[in-house]
Every structure is written in structure tokens, then in C-alpha cells.
Amino acid sequence: MRGKVTINPDTTAPENEIAPQAHTHGVRPALTPLRGAEITDYKIISPTQYSLTYTHDGQEHKLNYGWGATEATKDTYTFEFIDPEGTTVQTYKRSDDTQKKIM
């Protein structure tokens, strides 16, 4: 953290928060919430790769996601959606707090 921060006077311990809050922009557009989905597994594959398994409407789904591990690929993010219908892969590149779908 850098700069001057203070405790937000509108919150009390143990939920104290600092002000101002840090912010960022998502690397891809948000998807529609999955009402009734239940996370059944989560794995850290590597420091930059993760796998999330969940059930929705009685069917298993998996999301494998991560970003490049080298200096040249650190701004490239890949999302692999696996469901009973098949697999979809989306790749995004972050540049100056913007997002761009590249695949």
C-alpha cells in the first residue's frame, strides 16, 4: 500500500476498512450469475493457474483459468469453460486497465 490511508469512520471493528479502497478493472466482461450453483472443488494448479468445479442444474461444470507465467505473457488471461455441451476457451489481454478479447 502506498499513500495516506485512514480507517473508514462508518465502519467499526472487527469489520474496519481502510479508505480510500483500491480498485481495478476486470480482465473480461462479467457473466450472468448462476443461481443455485454449488462449488464442489477448487484447486491451485500453479501460482498462476486455477481450476474451479461446480454443479448447476444437476450437471457438473469446470472453469480452468489463469494468466501467463512469464514477463511476455503476464497480461494474457485464459478461461476454459467445460460443461456437458463441450469446451469453450476465451483468451483476453490486459493493457492499460482495458480488456481485449484475443481468442
PDB file of N, CA and C in Angstrom:
ATOM      1  N   MET A   1       0.847  -1.172   0.000  1.00  0.00           N
ATOM      2  CA  MET A   1       0.000   0.000   0.000  1.00  0.00           C
ATOM      3  C   MET A   1       0.886   1.226   0.000  1.00  0.00           C
ATOM      4  N   ARG A   2       0.384   2.229  -0.688  1.00  0.00           N
ATOM      5  CA  ARG A   2       1.124   3.480  -0.746  1.00  0.00           C
ATOM      6  C   ARG A   2       0.182   4.633  -0.457  1.00  0.00           C
ATOM      7  N   GLY A   3       0.739   5.733  -0.049  1.00  0.00           N
ATOM      8  CA  GLY A   3      -0.064   6.914   0.207  1.00  0.00           C
ATOM      9  C   GLY A   3      -0.645   6.921   1.600  1.00  0.00           C
ATOM     10  N   LYS A   4      -1.500   7.888   1.860  1.00  0.00           N
ATOM     11  CA  LYS A   4      -2.109   8.038   3.175  1.00  0.00           C
ATOM     12  C   LYS A   4      -3.457   7.334   3.186  1.00  0.00           C
ATOM     13  N   VAL A   5      -3.641   6.449   4.150  1.00  0.00           N
ATOM     14  CA  VAL A   5      -4.916   5.760   4.313  1.00  0.00           C
ATOM     15  C   VAL A   5      -5.421   5.988   5.725  1.00  0.00           C
ATOM     16  N   THR A   6      -6.719   5.898   5.891  1.00  0.00           N
ATOM     17  CA  THR A   6      -7.336   6.047   7.206  1.00  0.00           C
ATOM     18  C   THR A   6      -8.388   4.960   7.377  1.00  0.00           C
ATOM     19  N   ILE A   7      -8.821   4.754   8.603  1.00  0.00           N
ATOM     20  CA  ILE A   7      -9.917   3.831   8.870  1.00  0.00           C
ATOM     21  C   ILE A   7     -11.212   4.552   8.521  1.00  0.00           C
ATOM     22  N   ASN A   8     -12.068   3.880   7.752  1.00  0.00           N
ATOM     23  CA  ASN A   8     -13.347   4.451   7.382  1.00  0.00           C
ATOM     24  C   ASN A   8     -14.171   4.666   8.650  1.00  0.00           C
ATOM     25  N   PRO A   9     -14.581   5.898   8.952  1.00  0.00           N
ATOM     26  CA  PRO A   9     -15.307   6.165  10.193  1.00  0.00           C
ATOM     27  C   PRO A   9     -16.706   5.550  10.218  1.00  0.00           C
ATOM     28  N   ASP A  10     -17.207   5.085   9.073  1.00  0.00           N
ATOM     29  CA  ASP A  10     -18.542   4.490   9.016  1.00  0.00           C
ATOM     30  C   ASP A  10     -18.540   3.001   9.346  1.00  0.00           C
ATOM     31  N   THR A  11     -17.365   2.428   9.602  1.00  0.00           N
ATOM     32  CA  THR A  11     -17.293   1.012   9.958  1.00  0.00           C
ATOM     33  C   THR A  11     -16.670   0.868  11.339  1.00  0.00           C
ATOM     34  N   THR A  12     -16.984  -0.247  11.995  1.00  0.00           N
ATOM     35  CA  THR A  12     -16.416  -0.499  13.310  1.00  0.00           C
ATOM     36  C   THR A  12     -15.768  -1.873  13.333  1.00  0.00           C
ATOM     37  N   ALA A  13     -14.833  -2.051  14.259  1.00  0.00           N
ATOM     38  CA  ALA A  13     -14.138  -3.331  14.396  1.00  0.00           C
ATOM     39  C   ALA A  13     -15.155  -4.425  14.674  1.00  0.00           C
ATOM     40  N   PRO A  14     -14.994  -5.650  14.236  1.00  0.00           N
ATOM     41  CA  PRO A  14     -13.831  -6.147  13.506  1.00  0.00           C
ATOM     42  C   PRO A  14     -13.922  -5.939  12.001  1.00  0.00           C
ATOM     43  N   GLU A  15     -14.926  -5.220  11.516  1.00  0.00           N
ATOM     44  CA  GLU A  15     -15.073  -5.020  10.071  1.00  0.00           C
ATOM     45  C   GLU A  15     -14.468  -3.705   9.587  1.00  0.00           C
ATOM     46  N   ASN A  16     -13.535  -3.135  10.344  1.00  0.00           N
ATOM     47  CA  ASN A  16     -12.917  -1.883   9.912  1.00  0.00           C
ATOM     48  C   ASN A  16     -12.386  -2.023   8.505  1.00  0.00           C
ATOM     49  N   GLU A  17     -12.511  -0.975   7.720  1.00  0.00           N
ATOM     50  CA  GLU A  17     -11.927  -0.964   6.389  1.00  0.00           C
ATOM     51  C   GLU A  17     -11.135   0.313   6.213  1.00  0.00           C
ATOM     52  N   ILE A  18     -10.180   0.251   5.323  1.00  0.00           N
ATOM     53  CA  ILE A  18      -9.372   1.435   5.073  1.00  0.00           C
ATOM     54  C   ILE A  18     -10.001   2.252   3.953  1.00  0.00           C
ATOM     55  N   ALA A  19      -9.679   3.518   3.954  1.00  0.00           N
ATOM     56  CA  ALA A  19     -10.144   4.421   2.908  1.00  0.00           C
ATOM     57  C   ALA A  19      -8.936   5.228   2.458  1.00  0.00           C
ATOM     58  N   PRO A  20      -8.734   5.457   1.197  1.00  0.00           N
ATOM     59  CA  PRO A  20      -9.580   5.005   0.095  1.00  0.00           C
ATOM     60  C   PRO A  20      -9.331   3.541  -0.233  1.00  0.00           C
ATOM     61  N   GLN A  21     -10.310   2.892  -0.871  1.00  0.00           N
ATOM     62  CA  GLN A  21     -10.203   1.499  -1.285  1.00  0.00           C
ATOM     63  C   GLN A  21      -9.482   1.405  -2.634  1.00  0.00           C
ATOM     64  N   ALA A  22      -8.655   0.380  -2.752  1.00  0.00           N
ATOM     65  CA  ALA A  22      -8.008   0.119  -4.037  1.00  0.00           C
ATOM     66  C   ALA A  22      -9.068  -0.360  -5.032  1.00  0.00           C
ATOM     67  N   HIS A  23      -8.837  -0.144  -6.312  1.00  0.00           N
ATOM     68  CA  HIS A  23      -9.785  -0.626  -7.313  1.00  0.00           C
ATOM     69  C   HIS A  23      -9.028  -1.102  -8.543  1.00  0.00           C
ATOM     70  N   THR A  24      -9.696  -1.913  -9.311  1.00  0.00           N
ATOM     71  CA  THR A  24      -9.117  -2.440 -10.538  1.00  0.00           C
ATOM     72  C   THR A  24     -10.232  -2.672 -11.537  1.00  0.00           C
ATOM     73  N   HIS A  25      -9.890  -3.041 -12.733  1.00  0.00           N
ATOM     74  CA  HIS A  25     -10.859  -3.359 -13.774  1.00  0.00           C
ATOM     75  C   HIS A  25     -10.746  -4.844 -14.089  1.00  0.00           C
ATOM     76  N   GLY A  26     -11.873  -5.488 -14.309  1.00  0.00           N
ATOM     77  CA  GLY A  26     -11.871  -6.901 -14.657  1.00  0.00           C
ATOM     78  C   GLY A  26     -11.162  -7.141 -15.982  1.00  0.00           C
ATOM     79  N   VAL A  27     -10.642  -8.321 -16.126  1.00  0.00           N
ATOM     80  CA  VAL A  27      -9.920  -8.661 -17.349  1.00  0.00           C
ATOM     81  C   VAL A  27     -10.882  -9.105 -18.451  1.00  0.00           C
ATOM     82  N   ARG A  28     -12.115  -9.482 -18.077  1.00  0.00           N
ATOM     83  CA  ARG A  28     -13.124  -9.875 -19.055  1.00  0.00           C
ATOM     84  C   ARG A  28     -14.480  -9.394 -18.569  1.00  0.00           C
ATOM     85  N   PRO A  29     -15.458  -9.309 -19.460  1.00  0.00           N
ATOM     86  CA  PRO A  29     -16.796  -8.889 -19.015  1.00  0.00           C
ATOM     87  C   PRO A  29     -17.385  -9.900 -18.031  1.00  0.00           C
ATOM     88  N   ALA A  30     -18.196  -9.417 -17.124  1.00  0.00           N
ATOM     89  CA  ALA A  30     -18.857 -10.289 -16.152  1.00  0.00           C
ATOM     90  C   ALA A  30     -19.896 -11.153 -16.856  1.00  0.00           C
ATOM     91  N   LEU A  31     -20.116 -12.343 -16.318  1.00  0.00           N
ATOM     92  CA  LEU A  31     -21.132 -13.243 -16.847  1.00  0.00           C
ATOM     93  C   LEU A  31     -22.374 -13.177 -15.969  1.00  0.00           C
ATOM     94  N   THR A  32     -23.470 -13.751 -16.441  1.00  0.00           N
ATOM     95  CA  THR A  32     -24.712 -13.807 -15.686  1.00  0.00           C
ATOM     96  C   THR A  32     -24.514 -14.692 -14.457  1.00  0.00           C
ATOM     97  N   PRO A  33     -24.996 -14.271 -13.276  1.00  0.00           N
ATOM     98  CA  PRO A  33     -24.864 -15.114 -12.082  1.00  0.00           C
ATOM     99  C   PRO A  33     -25.543 -16.464 -12.282  1.00  0.00           C
ATOM    100  N   LEU A  34     -24.978 -17.502 -11.698  1.00  0.00           N
ATOM    101  CA  LEU A  34     -25.536 -18.851 -11.788  1.00  0.00           C
ATOM    102  C   LEU A  34     -26.305 -19.151 -10.508  1.00  0.00           C
ATOM    103  N   ARG A  35     -27.557 -18.774 -10.460  1.00  0.00           N
ATOM    104  CA  ARG A  35     -28.391 -19.009  -9.285  1.00  0.00           C
ATOM    105  C   ARG A  35     -28.477 -20.508  -9.026  1.00  0.00           C
ATOM    106  N   GLY A  36     -28.228 -20.911  -7.803  1.00  0.00           N
ATOM    107  CA  GLY A  36     -28.322 -22.304  -7.423  1.00  0.00           C
ATOM    108  C   GLY A  36     -27.069 -23.124  -7.688  1.00  0.00           C
ATOM    109  N   ALA A  37     -26.032 -22.513  -8.241  1.00  0.00           N
ATOM    110  CA  ALA A  37     -24.784 -23.249  -8.479  1.00  0.00           C
ATOM    111  C   ALA A  37     -24.115 -23.549  -7.140  1.00  0.00           C
ATOM    112  N   GLU A  38     -23.423 -24.683  -7.088  1.00  0.00           N
ATOM    113  CA  GLU A  38     -22.721 -25.081  -5.873  1.00  0.00           C
ATOM    114  C   GLU A  38     -21.289 -25.467  -6.218  1.00  0.00           C
ATOM    115  N   ILE A  39     -20.333 -24.792  -5.604  1.00  0.00           N
ATOM    116  CA  ILE A  39     -18.920 -25.109  -5.828  1.00  0.00           C
ATOM    117  C   ILE A  39     -18.620 -26.431  -5.144  1.00  0.00           C
ATOM    118  N   THR A  40     -18.030 -27.367  -5.901  1.00  0.00           N
ATOM    119  CA  THR A  40     -17.726 -28.691  -5.353  1.00  0.00           C
ATOM    120  C   THR A  40     -16.231 -28.946  -5.225  1.00  0.00           C
ATOM    121  N   ASP A  41     -15.409 -28.155  -5.918  1.00  0.00           N
ATOM    122  CA  ASP A  41     -13.959 -28.350  -5.827  1.00  0.00           C
ATOM    123  C   ASP A  41     -13.249 -27.096  -6.326  1.00  0.00           C
ATOM    124  N   TYR A  42     -12.088 -26.831  -5.757  1.00  0.00           N
ATOM    125  CA  TYR A  42     -11.240 -25.717  -6.176  1.00  0.00           C
ATOM    126  C   TYR A  42      -9.801 -26.150  -6.001  1.00  0.00           C
ATOM    127  N   LYS A  43      -9.008 -26.019  -7.043  1.00  0.00           N
ATOM    128  CA  LYS A  43      -7.605 -26.430  -6.973  1.00  0.00           C
ATOM    129  C   LYS A  43      -6.695 -25.327  -7.477  1.00  0.00           C
ATOM    130  N   ILE A  44      -5.567 -25.180  -6.807  1.00  0.00           N
ATOM    131  CA  ILE A  44      -4.494 -24.319  -7.287  1.00  0.00           C
ATOM    132  C   ILE A  44      -3.558 -25.228  -8.065  1.00  0.00           C
ATOM    133  N   ILE A  45      -3.519 -25.032  -9.366  1.00  0.00           N
ATOM    134  CA  ILE A  45      -2.700 -25.867 -10.238  1.00  0.00           C
ATOM    135  C   ILE A  45      -1.239 -25.393 -10.196  1.00  0.00           C
ATOM    136  N   SER A  46      -1.069 -24.085 -10.208  1.00  0.00           N
ATOM    137  CA  SER A  46       0.250 -23.450 -10.113  1.00  0.00           C
ATOM    138  C   SER A  46       0.011 -22.047  -9.571  1.00  0.00           C
ATOM    139  N   PRO A  47       1.052 -21.261  -9.342  1.00  0.00           N
ATOM    140  CA  PRO A  47       0.821 -19.906  -8.825  1.00  0.00           C
ATOM    141  C   PRO A  47      -0.009 -19.010  -9.756  1.00  0.00           C
ATOM    142  N   THR A  48      -0.169 -19.401 -11.018  1.00  0.00           N
ATOM    143  CA  THR A  48      -0.945 -18.582 -11.949  1.00  0.00           C
ATOM    144  C   THR A  48      -2.069 -19.354 -12.640  1.00  0.00           C
ATOM    145  N   GLN A  49      -2.361 -20.568 -12.194  1.00  0.00           N
ATOM    146  CA  GLN A  49      -3.387 -21.408 -12.829  1.00  0.00           C
ATOM    147  C   GLN A  49      -4.291 -22.032 -11.770  1.00  0.00           C
ATOM    148  N   TYR A  50      -5.605 -21.971 -12.009  1.00  0.00           N
ATOM    149  CA  TYR A  50      -6.584 -22.438 -11.039  1.00  0.00           C
ATOM    150  C   TYR A  50      -7.673 -23.250 -11.738  1.00  0.00           C
ATOM    151  N   SER A  51      -8.368 -24.082 -10.969  1.00  0.00           N
ATOM    152  CA  SER A  51      -9.454 -24.887 -11.502  1.00  0.00           C
ATOM    153  C   SER A  51     -10.607 -24.889 -10.498  1.00  0.00           C
ATOM    154  N   LEU A  52     -11.791 -24.540 -10.984  1.00  0.00           N
ATOM    155  CA  LEU A  52     -12.991 -24.474 -10.158  1.00  0.00           C
ATOM    156  C   LEU A  52     -14.027 -25.436 -10.741  1.00  0.00           C
ATOM    157  N   THR A  53     -14.561 -26.324  -9.913  1.00  0.00           N
ATOM    158  CA  THR A  53     -15.601 -27.258 -10.347  1.00  0.00           C
ATOM    159  C   THR A  53     -16.872 -26.914  -9.590  1.00  0.00           C
ATOM    160  N   TYR A  54     -18.001 -26.924 -10.304  1.00  0.00           N
ATOM    161  CA  TYR A  54     -19.279 -26.624  -9.668  1.00  0.00           C
ATOM    162  C   TYR A  54     -20.391 -27.412 -10.350  1.00  0.00           C
ATOM    163  N   THR A  55     -21.514 -27.553  -9.646  1.00  0.00           N
ATOM    164  CA  THR A  55     -22.696 -28.161 -10.243  1.00  0.00           C
ATOM    165  C   THR A  55     -23.750 -27.079 -10.421  1.00  0.00           C
ATOM    166  N   HIS A  56     -24.494 -27.198 -11.495  1.00  0.00           N
ATOM    167  CA  HIS A  56     -25.585 -26.273 -11.786  1.00  0.00           C
ATOM    168  C   HIS A  56     -26.670 -27.056 -12.510  1.00  0.00           C
ATOM    169  N   ASP A  57     -27.875 -27.002 -12.013  1.00  0.00           N
ATOM    170  CA  ASP A  57     -28.996 -27.771 -12.577  1.00  0.00           C
ATOM    171  C   ASP A  57     -28.656 -29.252 -12.689  1.00  0.00           C
ATOM    172  N   GLY A  58     -27.944 -29.772 -11.694  1.00  0.00           N
ATOM    173  CA  GLY A  58     -27.631 -31.188 -11.646  1.00  0.00           C
ATOM    174  C   GLY A  58     -26.504 -31.640 -12.559  1.00  0.00           C
ATOM    175  N   GLN A  59     -25.840 -30.710 -13.219  1.00  0.00           N
ATOM    176  CA  GLN A  59     -24.745 -31.062 -14.123  1.00  0.00           C
ATOM    177  C   GLN A  59     -23.435 -30.448 -13.640  1.00  0.00           C
ATOM    178  N   GLU A  60     -22.333 -31.186 -13.862  1.00  0.00           N
ATOM    179  CA  GLU A  60     -21.018 -30.697 -13.444  1.00  0.00           C
ATOM    180  C   GLU A  60     -20.422 -29.779 -14.510  1.00  0.00           C
ATOM    181  N   HIS A  61     -19.815 -28.709 -14.052  1.00  0.00           N
ATOM    182  CA  HIS A  61     -19.133 -27.730 -14.899  1.00  0.00           C
ATOM    183  C   HIS A  61     -17.757 -27.483 -14.298  1.00  0.00           C
ATOM    184  N   LYS A  62     -16.832 -27.069 -15.139  1.00  0.00           N
ATOM    185  CA  LYS A  62     -15.491 -26.753 -14.658  1.00  0.00           C
ATOM    186  C   LYS A  62     -15.012 -25.477 -15.346  1.00  0.00           C
ATOM    187  N   LEU A  63     -14.302 -24.662 -14.590  1.00  0.00           N
ATOM    188  CA  LEU A  63     -13.668 -23.465 -15.123  1.00  0.00           C
ATOM    189  C   LEU A  63     -12.190 -23.542 -14.777  1.00  0.00           C
ATOM    190  N   ASN A  64     -11.358 -23.659 -15.793  1.00  0.00           N
ATOM    191  CA  ASN A  64      -9.908 -23.583 -15.617  1.00  0.00           C
ATOM    192  C   ASN A  64      -9.492 -22.190 -16.072  1.00  0.00           C
ATOM    193  N   TYR A  65      -8.739 -21.496 -15.243  1.00  0.00           N
ATOM    194  CA  TYR A  65      -8.359 -20.131 -15.607  1.00  0.00           C
ATOM    195  C   TYR A  65      -6.990 -19.782 -15.052  1.00  0.00           C
ATOM    196  N   GLY A  66      -6.393 -18.777 -15.668  1.00  0.00           N
ATOM    197  CA  GLY A  66      -5.088 -18.328 -15.211  1.00  0.00           C
ATOM    198  C   GLY A  66      -4.508 -17.301 -16.151  1.00  0.00           C
ATOM    199  N   TRP A  67      -3.267 -16.940 -15.889  1.00  0.00           N
ATOM    200  CA  TRP A  67      -2.574 -15.952 -16.712  1.00  0.00           C
ATOM    201  C   TRP A  67      -1.159 -16.427 -16.955  1.00  0.00           C
ATOM    202  N   GLY A  68      -0.513 -15.798 -17.908  1.00  0.00           N
ATOM    203  CA  GLY A  68       0.837 -16.191 -18.292  1.00  0.00           C
ATOM    204  C   GLY A  68       1.826 -16.063 -17.144  1.00  0.00           C
ATOM    205  N   ALA A  69       2.780 -16.971 -17.131  1.00  0.00           N
ATOM    206  CA  ALA A  69       3.749 -17.009 -16.038  1.00  0.00           C
ATOM    207  C   ALA A  69       5.048 -16.293 -16.365  1.00  0.00           C
ATOM    208  N   THR A  70       5.194 -15.789 -17.584  1.00  0.00           N
ATOM    209  CA  THR A  70       6.428 -15.098 -17.964  1.00  0.00           C
ATOM    210  C   THR A  70       6.162 -13.612 -18.132  1.00  0.00           C
ATOM    211  N   GLU A  71       7.196 -12.845 -18.181  1.00  0.00           N
ATOM    212  CA  GLU A  71       7.055 -11.396 -18.372  1.00  0.00           C
ATOM    213  C   GLU A  71       6.309 -11.087 -19.669  1.00  0.00           C
ATOM    214  N   ALA A  72       6.559 -11.848 -20.701  1.00  0.00           N
ATOM    215  CA  ALA A  72       5.928 -11.611 -22.009  1.00  0.00           C
ATOM    216  C   ALA A  72       4.444 -11.979 -22.017  1.00  0.00           C
ATOM    217  N   THR A  73       4.019 -12.887 -21.129  1.00  0.00           N
ATOM    218  CA  THR A  73       2.625 -13.348 -21.151  1.00  0.00           C
ATOM    219  C   THR A  73       1.828 -12.981 -19.900  1.00  0.00           C
ATOM    220  N   LYS A  74       2.404 -12.196 -19.008  1.00  0.00           N
ATOM    221  CA  LYS A  74       1.735 -11.919 -17.727  1.00  0.00           C
ATOM    222  C   LYS A  74       0.415 -11.172 -17.874  1.00  0.00           C
ATOM    223  N   ASP A  75       0.176 -10.510 -18.995  1.00  0.00           N
ATOM    224  CA  ASP A  75      -1.066  -9.781 -19.211  1.00  0.00           C
ATOM    225  C   ASP A  75      -2.047 -10.555 -20.083  1.00  0.00           C
ATOM    226  N   THR A  76      -1.800 -11.843 -20.318  1.00  0.00           N
ATOM    227  CA  THR A  76      -2.684 -12.679 -21.115  1.00  0.00           C
ATOM    228  C   THR A  76      -3.403 -13.658 -20.192  1.00  0.00           C
ATOM    229  N   TYR A  77      -4.728 -13.639 -20.223  1.00  0.00           N
ATOM    230  CA  TYR A  77      -5.566 -14.429 -19.332  1.00  0.00           C
ATOM    231  C   TYR A  77      -6.390 -15.419 -20.154  1.00  0.00           C
ATOM    232  N   THR A  78      -6.419 -16.669 -19.732  1.00  0.00           N
ATOM    233  CA  THR A  78      -7.161 -17.705 -20.443  1.00  0.00           C
ATOM    234  C   THR A  78      -8.213 -18.301 -19.522  1.00  0.00           C
ATOM    235  N   PHE A  79      -9.429 -18.469 -20.067  1.00  0.00           N
ATOM    236  CA  PHE A  79     -10.549 -19.060 -19.358  1.00  0.00           C
ATOM    237  C   PHE A  79     -11.046 -20.244 -20.181  1.00  0.00           C
ATOM    238  N   GLU A  80     -11.029 -21.437 -19.597  1.00  0.00           N
ATOM    239  CA  GLU A  80     -11.513 -22.636 -20.261  1.00  0.00           C
ATOM    240  C   GLU A  80     -12.775 -23.096 -19.536  1.00  0.00           C
ATOM    241  N   PHE A  81     -13.926 -23.009 -20.213  1.00  0.00           N
ATOM    242  CA  PHE A  81     -15.212 -23.402 -19.657  1.00  0.00           C
ATOM    243  C   PHE A  81     -15.539 -24.801 -20.167  1.00  0.00           C
ATOM    244  N   ILE A  82     -15.704 -25.743 -19.247  1.00  0.00           N
ATOM    245  CA  ILE A  82     -16.007 -27.134 -19.609  1.00  0.00           C
ATOM    246  C   ILE A  82     -17.366 -27.483 -19.018  1.00  0.00           C
ATOM    247  N   ASP A  83     -18.288 -27.898 -19.880  1.00  0.00           N
ATOM    248  CA  ASP A  83     -19.611 -28.309 -19.421  1.00  0.00           C
ATOM    249  C   ASP A  83     -20.081 -29.497 -20.258  1.00  0.00           C
ATOM    250  N   PRO A  84     -21.267 -30.038 -19.974  1.00  0.00           N
ATOM    251  CA  PRO A  84     -21.729 -31.212 -20.722  1.00  0.00           C
ATOM    252  C   PRO A  84     -21.841 -30.976 -22.233  1.00  0.00           C
ATOM    253  N   GLU A  85     -21.939 -29.747 -22.671  1.00  0.00           N
ATOM    254  CA  GLU A  85     -22.049 -29.430 -24.097  1.00  0.00           C
ATOM    255  C   GLU A  85     -20.693 -29.388 -24.799  1.00  0.00           C
ATOM    256  N   GLY A  86     -19.608 -29.288 -24.034  1.00  0.00           N
ATOM    257  CA  GLY A  86     -18.282 -29.215 -24.632  1.00  0.00           C
ATOM    258  C   GLY A  86     -17.387 -28.219 -23.909  1.00  0.00           C
ATOM    259  N   THR A  87     -16.375 -27.753 -24.615  1.00  0.00           N
ATOM    260  CA  THR A  87     -15.376 -26.848 -24.046  1.00  0.00           C
ATOM    261  C   THR A  87     -15.296 -25.574 -24.866  1.00  0.00           C
ATOM    262  N   THR A  88     -15.239 -24.448 -24.169  1.00  0.00           N
ATOM    263  CA  THR A  88     -15.055 -23.142 -24.798  1.00  0.00           C
ATOM    264  C   THR A  88     -13.848 -22.487 -24.156  1.00  0.00           C
ATOM    265  N   VAL A  89     -12.943 -21.954 -24.986  1.00  0.00           N
ATOM    266  CA  VAL A  89     -11.761 -21.269 -24.475  1.00  0.00           C
ATOM    267  C   VAL A  89     -11.826 -19.805 -24.901  1.00  0.00           C
ATOM    268  N   GLN A  90     -11.610 -18.912 -23.930  1.00  0.00           N
ATOM    269  CA  GLN A  90     -11.562 -17.473 -24.207  1.00  0.00           C
ATOM    270  C   GLN A  90     -10.247 -16.931 -23.670  1.00  0.00           C
ATOM    271  N   THR A  91      -9.589 -16.106 -24.465  1.00  0.00           N
ATOM    272  CA  THR A  91      -8.320 -15.503 -24.058  1.00  0.00           C
ATOM    273  C   THR A  91      -8.440 -13.989 -24.154  1.00  0.00           C
ATOM    274  N   TYR A  92      -7.958 -13.310 -23.132  1.00  0.00           N
ATOM    275  CA  TYR A  92      -8.017 -11.847 -23.068  1.00  0.00           C
ATOM    276  C   TYR A  92      -6.629 -11.302 -22.785  1.00  0.00           C
ATOM    277  N   LYS A  93      -6.407 -10.086 -23.233  1.00  0.00           N
ATOM    278  CA  LYS A  93      -5.143  -9.403 -22.957  1.00  0.00           C
ATOM    279  C   LYS A  93      -5.466  -8.092 -22.281  1.00  0.00           C
ATOM    280  N   ARG A  94      -4.803  -7.837 -21.164  1.00  0.00           N
ATOM    281  CA  ARG A  94      -4.995  -6.583 -20.427  1.00  0.00           C
ATOM    282  C   ARG A  94      -3.941  -5.586 -20.878  1.00  0.00           C
ATOM    283  N   SER A  95      -4.384  -4.362 -21.067  1.00  0.00           N
ATOM    284  CA  SER A  95      -3.470  -3.293 -21.457  1.00  0.00           C
ATOM    285  C   SER A  95      -4.000  -1.971 -20.926  1.00  0.00           C
ATOM    286  N   ASP A  96      -3.259  -1.324 -20.058  1.00  0.00           N
ATOM    287  CA  ASP A  96      -3.659  -0.028 -19.509  1.00  0.00           C
ATOM    288  C   ASP A  96      -5.080  -0.037 -18.951  1.00  0.00           C
ATOM    289  N   ASP A  97      -5.392  -1.034 -18.093  1.00  0.00           N
ATOM    290  CA  ASP A  97      -6.698  -1.161 -17.446  1.00  0.00           C
ATOM    291  C   ASP A  97      -7.855  -1.304 -18.426  1.00  0.00           C
ATOM    292  N   THR A  98      -7.579  -1.833 -19.615  1.00  0.00           N
ATOM    293  CA  THR A  98      -8.647  -2.152 -20.548  1.00  0.00           C
ATOM    294  C   THR A  98      -8.585  -3.636 -20.843  1.00  0.00           C
ATOM    295  N   GLN A  99      -9.631  -4.152 -21.441  1.00  0.00           N
ATOM    296  CA  GLN A  99      -9.667  -5.564 -21.766  1.00  0.00           C
ATOM    297  C   GLN A  99      -9.885  -5.737 -23.262  1.00  0.00           C
ATOM    298  N   LYS A 100      -9.299  -6.765 -23.809  1.00  0.00           N
ATOM    299  CA  LYS A 100      -9.457  -7.033 -25.223  1.00  0.00           C
ATOM    300  C   LYS A 100      -9.484  -8.540 -25.409  1.00  0.00           C
ATOM    301  N   LYS A 101     -10.561  -9.029 -25.979  1.00  0.00           N
ATOM    302  CA  LYS A 101     -10.657 -10.460 -26.249  1.00  0.00           C
ATOM    303  C   LYS A 101      -9.788 -10.753 -27.457  1.00  0.00           C
ATOM    304  N   ILE A 102      -8.870 -11.729 -27.303  1.00  0.00           N
ATOM    305  CA  ILE A 102      -7.966 -12.037 -28.411  1.00  0.00           C
ATOM    306  C   ILE A 102      -8.252 -13.396 -29.016  1.00  0.00           C
ATOM    307  N   MET A 103      -9.050 -14.223 -28.394  1.00  0.00           N
ATOM    308  CA  MET A 103      -9.438 -15.523 -28.973  1.00  0.00           C
ATOM    309  C   MET A 103     -10.800 -15.902 -28.474  1.00  0.00           C
TER     310      MET A 103
END
